[in-house]
Amino acid sequence: MSIKRRLADRLAGLRHLPDRAGWRSAAFELAWALPLLLVIAHWGGLARLQDPPAASTAAMLAATLFVMPALLEELLFRGLIIPREGPKRKWIALSVLLFVLWHPLQVVTVGPSWAGSFLNPWFLLVVGILGLALARMYAATRSLWPSILTHWLVIFGWKTLFGGPF
């Protein structure tokens, strides 16, 4: 298969919307992952309930977070790594591993102000669990949209309601 065809196949997850069974699969992943993420974030001191930001700040943050990290990271870590047809555990594992390793690297690329969170072992555990849920969502639905929306909502909620760094 040519590189162009492989890339087109991998990006097809953006054109595909899940059917009802796919959305149920995505909801199943959320049902186990979100409570676990909240518990671990609480134990690790990553989640401190706070007042939400002003509506204009929240709107700007929502738009920004939709593009990066949600859309771009899902394209990279799910869409380009995990084959849509016949996803295997090794590709899911590679996706999760690279997703986790990417976060400490952001301390170098984005800035040391995030080091407190992005180098925290509790945070990396949360990232690994979220990455696994997102990868399983993509494998089950063959669509990037459930994982993009979930990634976006988790990060937006963390930053606006639970004290995640801006």
N, C-alpha and C. Protein backbone atom coordinates (compact mmCIF):
# COMPACT_ATOMS: atom_id res chain seq x y z
N MET A 1 0.85 -1.17 0.00
CA MET A 1 0.00 0.00 0.00
C MET A 1 0.90 1.25 0.00
N SER A 2 0.59 2.22 -0.82
CA SER A 2 1.40 3.43 -0.93
C SER A 2 1.23 4.30 0.32
N ILE A 3 2.18 5.18 0.53
CA ILE A 3 2.13 6.09 1.68
C ILE A 3 0.90 6.99 1.58
N LYS A 4 0.60 7.46 0.37
CA LYS A 4 -0.56 8.32 0.18
C LYS A 4 -1.85 7.60 0.56
N ARG A 5 -1.96 6.35 0.17
CA ARG A 5 -3.16 5.56 0.48
C ARG A 5 -3.25 5.28 1.99
N ARG A 6 -2.11 4.97 2.61
CA ARG A 6 -2.10 4.74 4.06
C ARG A 6 -2.54 5.98 4.80
N LEU A 7 -2.02 7.13 4.40
CA LEU A 7 -2.38 8.38 5.05
C LEU A 7 -3.88 8.66 4.87
N ALA A 8 -4.38 8.46 3.66
CA ALA A 8 -5.81 8.67 3.41
C ALA A 8 -6.65 7.74 4.27
N ASP A 9 -6.22 6.48 4.41
CA ASP A 9 -6.94 5.52 5.24
C ASP A 9 -6.94 5.95 6.70
N ARG A 10 -5.80 6.42 7.15
CA ARG A 10 -5.68 6.82 8.56
C ARG A 10 -6.51 8.07 8.85
N LEU A 11 -6.61 8.98 7.90
CA LEU A 11 -7.37 10.21 8.10
C LEU A 11 -8.86 10.02 7.85
N ALA A 12 -9.24 8.87 7.34
CA ALA A 12 -10.66 8.60 7.07
C ALA A 12 -11.48 8.63 8.36
N GLY A 13 -10.84 8.47 9.49
CA GLY A 13 -11.53 8.55 10.77
C GLY A 13 -12.18 9.90 11.02
N LEU A 14 -11.74 10.93 10.30
CA LEU A 14 -12.37 12.24 10.42
C LEU A 14 -13.65 12.33 9.60
N ARG A 15 -13.74 11.56 8.55
CA ARG A 15 -14.92 11.59 7.68
C ARG A 15 -16.02 10.65 8.18
N HIS A 16 -15.67 9.76 9.04
CA HIS A 16 -16.59 8.72 9.49
C HIS A 16 -17.21 9.11 10.83
N LEU A 17 -18.53 9.08 10.89
CA LEU A 17 -19.22 9.28 12.16
C LEU A 17 -19.70 7.92 12.66
N PRO A 18 -19.61 7.69 13.96
CA PRO A 18 -20.06 6.40 14.49
C PRO A 18 -21.57 6.22 14.36
N ASP A 19 -21.98 4.96 14.27
CA ASP A 19 -23.40 4.65 14.32
C ASP A 19 -23.80 4.57 15.80
N ARG A 20 -25.04 4.17 16.08
CA ARG A 20 -25.51 4.10 17.47
C ARG A 20 -24.67 3.14 18.30
N ALA A 21 -24.32 2.01 17.72
CA ALA A 21 -23.51 1.04 18.46
C ALA A 21 -22.12 1.64 18.78
N GLY A 22 -21.60 2.42 17.85
CA GLY A 22 -20.32 3.07 18.08
C GLY A 22 -20.39 4.07 19.22
N TRP A 23 -21.45 4.88 19.24
CA TRP A 23 -21.61 5.84 20.34
C TRP A 23 -21.80 5.12 21.67
N ARG A 24 -22.48 3.96 21.64
CA ARG A 24 -22.62 3.17 22.88
C ARG A 24 -21.25 2.67 23.34
N SER A 25 -20.42 2.24 22.39
CA SER A 25 -19.06 1.80 22.74
C SER A 25 -18.27 2.94 23.35
N ALA A 26 -18.41 4.12 22.77
CA ALA A 26 -17.71 5.28 23.31
C ALA A 26 -18.21 5.60 24.73
N ALA A 27 -19.52 5.51 24.93
CA ALA A 27 -20.09 5.76 26.26
C ALA A 27 -19.59 4.73 27.27
N PHE A 28 -19.44 3.48 26.85
CA PHE A 28 -18.89 2.45 27.73
C PHE A 28 -17.47 2.82 28.17
N GLU A 29 -16.66 3.29 27.25
CA GLU A 29 -15.29 3.70 27.60
C GLU A 29 -15.32 4.86 28.60
N LEU A 30 -16.22 5.80 28.38
CA LEU A 30 -16.35 6.91 29.32
C LEU A 30 -16.80 6.43 30.70
N ALA A 31 -17.69 5.44 30.71
CA ALA A 31 -18.25 4.96 31.98
C ALA A 31 -17.19 4.38 32.91
N TRP A 32 -16.16 3.75 32.38
CA TRP A 32 -15.11 3.24 33.26
C TRP A 32 -13.97 4.24 33.43
N ALA A 33 -13.69 5.02 32.39
CA ALA A 33 -12.50 5.88 32.43
C ALA A 33 -12.70 7.16 33.24
N LEU A 34 -13.81 7.85 33.06
CA LEU A 34 -13.98 9.13 33.73
C LEU A 34 -13.98 9.02 35.25
N PRO A 35 -14.71 8.08 35.86
CA PRO A 35 -14.62 7.97 37.32
C PRO A 35 -13.19 7.63 37.79
N LEU A 36 -12.53 6.76 37.06
CA LEU A 36 -11.16 6.40 37.41
C LEU A 36 -10.24 7.61 37.31
N LEU A 37 -10.39 8.40 36.25
CA LEU A 37 -9.58 9.61 36.08
C LEU A 37 -9.81 10.58 37.23
N LEU A 38 -11.07 10.76 37.61
CA LEU A 38 -11.38 11.68 38.71
C LEU A 38 -10.78 11.21 40.04
N VAL A 39 -10.87 9.93 40.32
CA VAL A 39 -10.31 9.40 41.56
C VAL A 39 -8.79 9.57 41.59
N ILE A 40 -8.13 9.20 40.52
CA ILE A 40 -6.67 9.31 40.47
C ILE A 40 -6.23 10.77 40.52
N ALA A 41 -6.93 11.63 39.79
CA ALA A 41 -6.60 13.06 39.80
C ALA A 41 -6.77 13.63 41.22
N HIS A 42 -7.80 13.18 41.92
CA HIS A 42 -8.01 13.64 43.30
C HIS A 42 -6.88 13.14 44.21
N TRP A 43 -6.59 11.83 44.14
CA TRP A 43 -5.51 11.27 44.97
C TRP A 43 -4.16 11.94 44.69
N GLY A 44 -3.91 12.23 43.43
CA GLY A 44 -2.64 12.82 43.04
C GLY A 44 -2.57 14.33 43.20
N GLY A 45 -3.64 14.94 43.69
CA GLY A 45 -3.64 16.38 43.89
C GLY A 45 -3.73 17.17 42.59
N LEU A 46 -4.24 16.54 41.53
CA LEU A 46 -4.33 17.21 40.23
C LEU A 46 -5.65 17.94 40.04
N ALA A 47 -6.63 17.67 40.88
CA ALA A 47 -7.96 18.24 40.71
C ALA A 47 -8.38 18.96 41.98
N ARG A 48 -8.47 20.28 41.87
CA ARG A 48 -8.96 21.11 42.97
C ARG A 48 -10.14 21.90 42.42
N LEU A 49 -11.31 21.63 42.95
CA LEU A 49 -12.51 22.32 42.45
C LEU A 49 -12.33 23.83 42.59
N GLN A 50 -12.62 24.56 41.52
CA GLN A 50 -12.48 26.02 41.51
C GLN A 50 -13.65 26.64 40.78
N ASP A 51 -13.79 27.94 40.94
CA ASP A 51 -14.83 28.66 40.21
C ASP A 51 -14.46 28.69 38.73
N PRO A 52 -15.44 28.56 37.86
CA PRO A 52 -15.14 28.61 36.42
C PRO A 52 -14.70 30.01 36.02
N PRO A 53 -13.93 30.11 34.93
CA PRO A 53 -13.50 31.42 34.45
C PRO A 53 -14.67 32.18 33.82
N ALA A 54 -14.44 33.44 33.52
CA ALA A 54 -15.45 34.25 32.84
C ALA A 54 -15.83 33.59 31.52
N ALA A 55 -17.03 33.86 31.06
CA ALA A 55 -17.54 33.22 29.84
C ALA A 55 -16.64 33.49 28.65
N SER A 56 -16.12 34.69 28.51
CA SER A 56 -15.25 35.00 27.36
C SER A 56 -13.95 34.20 27.43
N THR A 57 -13.40 34.06 28.62
CA THR A 57 -12.19 33.25 28.80
C THR A 57 -12.47 31.79 28.49
N ALA A 58 -13.61 31.29 29.00
CA ALA A 58 -13.98 29.89 28.77
C ALA A 58 -14.21 29.62 27.28
N ALA A 59 -14.84 30.55 26.58
CA ALA A 59 -15.09 30.37 25.14
C ALA A 59 -13.78 30.33 24.36
N MET A 60 -12.86 31.23 24.68
CA MET A 60 -11.56 31.25 24.00
C MET A 60 -10.79 29.97 24.31
N LEU A 61 -10.83 29.55 25.56
CA LEU A 61 -10.13 28.33 25.96
C LEU A 61 -10.75 27.11 25.27
N ALA A 62 -12.07 27.06 25.18
CA ALA A 62 -12.75 25.94 24.53
C ALA A 62 -12.34 25.82 23.07
N ALA A 63 -12.29 26.94 22.37
CA ALA A 63 -11.90 26.92 20.96
C ALA A 63 -10.45 26.50 20.79
N THR A 64 -9.59 27.04 21.63
CA THR A 64 -8.17 26.70 21.55
C THR A 64 -7.93 25.23 21.85
N LEU A 65 -8.55 24.74 22.92
CA LEU A 65 -8.34 23.34 23.32
C LEU A 65 -8.94 22.35 22.33
N PHE A 66 -9.95 22.78 21.58
CA PHE A 66 -10.50 21.88 20.58
C PHE A 66 -9.47 21.58 19.50
N VAL A 67 -8.73 22.62 19.10
CA VAL A 67 -7.72 22.44 18.06
C VAL A 67 -6.49 21.74 18.63
N MET A 68 -5.95 22.28 19.70
CA MET A 68 -4.78 21.69 20.34
C MET A 68 -5.03 21.71 21.83
N PRO A 69 -5.19 20.61 22.45
CA PRO A 69 -4.69 19.31 22.09
C PRO A 69 -5.68 18.36 21.40
N ALA A 70 -6.99 18.56 21.55
CA ALA A 70 -7.94 17.52 21.16
C ALA A 70 -7.80 17.06 19.71
N LEU A 71 -8.02 17.94 18.76
CA LEU A 71 -8.01 17.54 17.35
C LEU A 71 -6.62 17.07 16.90
N LEU A 72 -5.61 17.87 17.13
CA LEU A 72 -4.27 17.52 16.62
C LEU A 72 -3.69 16.28 17.30
N GLU A 73 -3.85 16.16 18.61
CA GLU A 73 -3.32 14.98 19.29
C GLU A 73 -4.08 13.72 18.90
N GLU A 74 -5.37 13.82 18.70
CA GLU A 74 -6.13 12.63 18.29
C GLU A 74 -5.76 12.22 16.87
N LEU A 75 -5.56 13.19 15.99
CA LEU A 75 -5.09 12.85 14.64
C LEU A 75 -3.76 12.12 14.70
N LEU A 76 -2.85 12.63 15.51
CA LEU A 76 -1.51 12.05 15.60
C LEU A 76 -1.51 10.71 16.34
N PHE A 77 -2.02 10.69 17.55
CA PHE A 77 -1.86 9.51 18.41
C PHE A 77 -2.89 8.41 18.17
N ARG A 78 -4.02 8.73 17.61
CA ARG A 78 -4.99 7.68 17.26
C ARG A 78 -5.07 7.53 15.75
N GLY A 79 -5.35 8.60 15.04
CA GLY A 79 -5.60 8.52 13.60
C GLY A 79 -4.42 8.03 12.78
N LEU A 80 -3.22 8.45 13.11
CA LEU A 80 -2.05 8.05 12.32
C LEU A 80 -1.38 6.77 12.81
N ILE A 81 -1.60 6.40 14.06
CA ILE A 81 -0.92 5.23 14.61
C ILE A 81 -1.78 3.97 14.54
N ILE A 82 -3.05 4.10 14.86
CA ILE A 82 -3.92 2.92 14.94
C ILE A 82 -4.64 2.74 13.61
N PRO A 83 -4.45 1.60 12.94
CA PRO A 83 -5.18 1.36 11.68
C PRO A 83 -6.68 1.29 11.94
N ARG A 84 -7.46 1.88 11.05
CA ARG A 84 -8.92 1.84 11.20
C ARG A 84 -9.45 0.42 11.03
N GLU A 85 -8.89 -0.29 10.08
CA GLU A 85 -9.35 -1.65 9.80
C GLU A 85 -8.47 -2.63 10.58
N GLY A 86 -9.07 -3.39 11.43
CA GLY A 86 -8.35 -4.41 12.17
C GLY A 86 -7.31 -3.87 13.14
N PRO A 87 -7.69 -2.88 13.99
CA PRO A 87 -6.71 -2.36 14.94
C PRO A 87 -6.28 -3.47 15.90
N LYS A 88 -5.00 -3.58 16.10
CA LYS A 88 -4.46 -4.62 16.97
C LYS A 88 -3.97 -3.99 18.27
N ARG A 89 -3.85 -4.84 19.28
CA ARG A 89 -3.42 -4.36 20.59
C ARG A 89 -2.07 -3.68 20.55
N LYS A 90 -1.17 -4.15 19.69
CA LYS A 90 0.17 -3.55 19.64
C LYS A 90 0.08 -2.09 19.18
N TRP A 91 -0.84 -1.76 18.28
CA TRP A 91 -0.98 -0.38 17.82
C TRP A 91 -1.62 0.48 18.89
N ILE A 92 -2.58 -0.09 19.60
CA ILE A 92 -3.20 0.63 20.72
C ILE A 92 -2.15 0.89 21.80
N ALA A 93 -1.35 -0.12 22.12
CA ALA A 93 -0.30 0.05 23.14
C ALA A 93 0.72 1.10 22.70
N LEU A 94 1.13 1.08 21.44
CA LEU A 94 2.07 2.07 20.95
C LEU A 94 1.47 3.47 21.02
N SER A 95 0.21 3.59 20.66
CA SER A 95 -0.49 4.87 20.72
C SER A 95 -0.47 5.42 22.15
N VAL A 96 -0.80 4.58 23.12
CA VAL A 96 -0.84 5.01 24.52
C VAL A 96 0.56 5.38 25.00
N LEU A 97 1.54 4.57 24.70
CA LEU A 97 2.91 4.84 25.12
C LEU A 97 3.40 6.18 24.57
N LEU A 98 3.23 6.40 23.28
CA LEU A 98 3.68 7.65 22.68
C LEU A 98 2.91 8.86 23.23
N PHE A 99 1.63 8.67 23.49
CA PHE A 99 0.80 9.73 24.06
C PHE A 99 1.32 10.12 25.44
N VAL A 100 1.65 9.14 26.25
CA VAL A 100 2.19 9.42 27.58
C VAL A 100 3.55 10.11 27.47
N LEU A 101 4.43 9.59 26.62
CA LEU A 101 5.78 10.18 26.47
C LEU A 101 5.73 11.60 25.91
N TRP A 102 4.73 11.92 25.12
CA TRP A 102 4.59 13.23 24.53
C TRP A 102 4.41 14.31 25.61
N HIS A 103 3.72 13.98 26.69
CA HIS A 103 3.39 15.00 27.69
C HIS A 103 4.62 15.54 28.42
N PRO A 104 5.55 14.73 28.90
CA PRO A 104 6.77 15.32 29.48
C PRO A 104 7.58 16.11 28.44
N LEU A 105 7.55 15.68 27.20
CA LEU A 105 8.27 16.40 26.16
C LEU A 105 7.73 17.83 25.99
N GLN A 106 6.45 18.02 26.30
CA GLN A 106 5.86 19.35 26.18
C GLN A 106 6.47 20.36 27.16
N VAL A 107 7.05 19.86 28.25
CA VAL A 107 7.73 20.76 29.18
C VAL A 107 8.86 21.49 28.45
N VAL A 108 9.51 20.78 27.55
CA VAL A 108 10.59 21.38 26.76
C VAL A 108 10.02 22.25 25.64
N THR A 109 8.96 21.79 24.99
CA THR A 109 8.44 22.51 23.83
C THR A 109 7.50 23.65 24.20
N VAL A 110 6.67 23.47 25.21
CA VAL A 110 5.70 24.50 25.59
C VAL A 110 6.28 25.42 26.64
N GLY A 111 6.97 24.85 27.61
CA GLY A 111 7.59 25.68 28.62
C GLY A 111 7.62 25.01 29.98
N PRO A 112 8.59 25.40 30.77
CA PRO A 112 8.76 24.78 32.10
C PRO A 112 7.65 25.10 33.08
N SER A 113 6.80 26.07 32.78
CA SER A 113 5.71 26.39 33.70
C SER A 113 4.75 25.22 33.87
N TRP A 114 4.74 24.30 32.92
CA TRP A 114 3.86 23.15 33.01
C TRP A 114 4.54 21.94 33.65
N ALA A 115 5.80 22.06 34.00
CA ALA A 115 6.56 20.92 34.52
C ALA A 115 5.91 20.32 35.76
N GLY A 116 5.34 21.17 36.62
CA GLY A 116 4.71 20.67 37.83
C GLY A 116 3.63 19.65 37.55
N SER A 117 2.89 19.85 36.48
CA SER A 117 1.84 18.90 36.11
C SER A 117 2.37 17.80 35.20
N PHE A 118 3.06 18.19 34.14
CA PHE A 118 3.41 17.24 33.08
C PHE A 118 4.52 16.27 33.45
N LEU A 119 5.21 16.50 34.54
CA LEU A 119 6.22 15.54 35.02
C LEU A 119 5.74 14.78 36.25
N ASN A 120 4.55 15.07 36.70
CA ASN A 120 3.97 14.43 37.87
C ASN A 120 3.55 13.00 37.51
N PRO A 121 4.02 12.00 38.26
CA PRO A 121 3.64 10.60 37.95
C PRO A 121 2.12 10.37 37.98
N TRP A 122 1.40 11.05 38.86
CA TRP A 122 -0.06 10.91 38.90
C TRP A 122 -0.67 11.42 37.60
N PHE A 123 -0.16 12.54 37.12
CA PHE A 123 -0.64 13.09 35.86
C PHE A 123 -0.36 12.13 34.71
N LEU A 124 0.82 11.55 34.69
CA LEU A 124 1.16 10.62 33.61
C LEU A 124 0.29 9.36 33.67
N LEU A 125 -0.07 8.94 34.88
CA LEU A 125 -1.00 7.81 35.01
C LEU A 125 -2.37 8.19 34.44
N VAL A 126 -2.84 9.38 34.75
CA VAL A 126 -4.12 9.86 34.20
C VAL A 126 -4.04 9.91 32.66
N VAL A 127 -2.93 10.43 32.14
CA VAL A 127 -2.74 10.51 30.69
C VAL A 127 -2.78 9.11 30.08
N GLY A 128 -2.13 8.15 30.73
CA GLY A 128 -2.14 6.78 30.21
C GLY A 128 -3.53 6.17 30.18
N ILE A 129 -4.30 6.38 31.23
CA ILE A 129 -5.67 5.85 31.28
C ILE A 129 -6.54 6.55 30.24
N LEU A 130 -6.41 7.87 30.15
CA LEU A 130 -7.18 8.60 29.13
C LEU A 130 -6.77 8.13 27.74
N GLY A 131 -5.48 7.99 27.51
CA GLY A 131 -4.99 7.51 26.20
C GLY A 131 -5.54 6.14 25.85
N LEU A 132 -5.60 5.25 26.84
CA LEU A 132 -6.15 3.92 26.60
C LEU A 132 -7.63 4.00 26.25
N ALA A 133 -8.39 4.80 26.99
CA ALA A 133 -9.82 4.94 26.71
C ALA A 133 -10.04 5.53 25.31
N LEU A 134 -9.26 6.54 24.96
CA LEU A 134 -9.41 7.18 23.65
C LEU A 134 -9.03 6.22 22.52
N ALA A 135 -7.98 5.45 22.73
CA ALA A 135 -7.55 4.48 21.71
C ALA A 135 -8.61 3.38 21.53
N ARG A 136 -9.16 2.90 22.64
CA ARG A 136 -10.20 1.87 22.56
C ARG A 136 -11.46 2.43 21.89
N MET A 137 -11.76 3.70 22.16
CA MET A 137 -12.90 4.35 21.52
C MET A 137 -12.71 4.38 20.00
N TYR A 138 -11.53 4.78 19.60
CA TYR A 138 -11.25 4.87 18.17
C TYR A 138 -11.29 3.48 17.52
N ALA A 139 -10.70 2.50 18.19
CA ALA A 139 -10.70 1.14 17.65
C ALA A 139 -12.13 0.59 17.52
N ALA A 140 -12.98 0.93 18.48
CA ALA A 140 -14.36 0.41 18.46
C ALA A 140 -15.24 1.11 17.44
N THR A 141 -15.01 2.41 17.24
CA THR A 141 -15.91 3.19 16.39
C THR A 141 -15.37 3.45 14.99
N ARG A 142 -14.04 3.33 14.81
CA ARG A 142 -13.36 3.66 13.55
C ARG A 142 -13.54 5.13 13.19
N SER A 143 -13.93 5.93 14.18
CA SER A 143 -14.12 7.37 13.99
C SER A 143 -13.28 8.10 15.03
N LEU A 144 -12.69 9.21 14.63
CA LEU A 144 -11.93 10.03 15.56
C LEU A 144 -12.82 10.94 16.41
N TRP A 145 -14.05 11.14 15.99
CA TRP A 145 -14.89 12.12 16.67
C TRP A 145 -15.19 11.81 18.13
N PRO A 146 -15.51 10.58 18.53
CA PRO A 146 -15.71 10.34 19.96
C PRO A 146 -14.45 10.63 20.78
N SER A 147 -13.29 10.25 20.26
CA SER A 147 -12.06 10.50 21.03
C SER A 147 -11.70 11.99 21.02
N ILE A 148 -11.94 12.69 19.92
CA ILE A 148 -11.68 14.13 19.89
C ILE A 148 -12.57 14.85 20.90
N LEU A 149 -13.86 14.54 20.88
CA LEU A 149 -14.80 15.21 21.79
C LEU A 149 -14.50 14.87 23.24
N THR A 150 -14.18 13.62 23.52
CA THR A 150 -13.85 13.22 24.90
C THR A 150 -12.58 13.91 25.37
N HIS A 151 -11.54 13.88 24.54
CA HIS A 151 -10.28 14.54 24.89
C HIS A 151 -10.53 16.02 25.19
N TRP A 152 -11.29 16.66 24.32
CA TRP A 152 -11.59 18.08 24.48
C TRP A 152 -12.35 18.35 25.79
N LEU A 153 -13.39 17.57 26.06
CA LEU A 153 -14.18 17.79 27.27
C LEU A 153 -13.38 17.53 28.54
N VAL A 154 -12.53 16.50 28.54
CA VAL A 154 -11.72 16.20 29.72
C VAL A 154 -10.74 17.34 30.00
N ILE A 155 -10.03 17.80 28.97
CA ILE A 155 -9.06 18.87 29.16
C ILE A 155 -9.76 20.18 29.52
N PHE A 156 -10.85 20.50 28.84
CA PHE A 156 -11.59 21.73 29.13
C PHE A 156 -12.10 21.70 30.58
N GLY A 157 -12.67 20.58 31.00
CA GLY A 157 -13.15 20.46 32.37
C GLY A 157 -12.03 20.59 33.39
N TRP A 158 -10.89 19.96 33.10
CA TRP A 158 -9.77 20.02 34.03
C TRP A 158 -9.27 21.47 34.18
N LYS A 159 -9.15 22.16 33.07
CA LYS A 159 -8.61 23.52 33.12
C LYS A 159 -9.60 24.54 33.67
N THR A 160 -10.89 24.34 33.43
CA THR A 160 -11.86 25.34 33.87
C THR A 160 -12.48 25.05 35.24
N LEU A 161 -12.59 23.79 35.61
CA LEU A 161 -13.26 23.45 36.87
C LEU A 161 -12.34 22.86 37.94
N PHE A 162 -11.21 22.27 37.52
CA PHE A 162 -10.39 21.54 38.47
C PHE A 162 -8.95 22.04 38.59
N GLY A 163 -8.67 23.26 38.15
CA GLY A 163 -7.38 23.87 38.41
C GLY A 163 -6.23 23.46 37.51
N GLY A 164 -6.50 22.89 36.35
CA GLY A 164 -5.42 22.54 35.43
C GLY A 164 -4.72 23.80 34.93
N PRO A 165 -3.44 23.71 34.61
CA PRO A 165 -2.70 24.91 34.20
C PRO A 165 -3.15 25.44 32.84
N PHE A 166 -3.10 26.74 32.71
CA PHE A 166 -3.44 27.39 31.43
C PHE A 166 -2.18 27.59 30.64
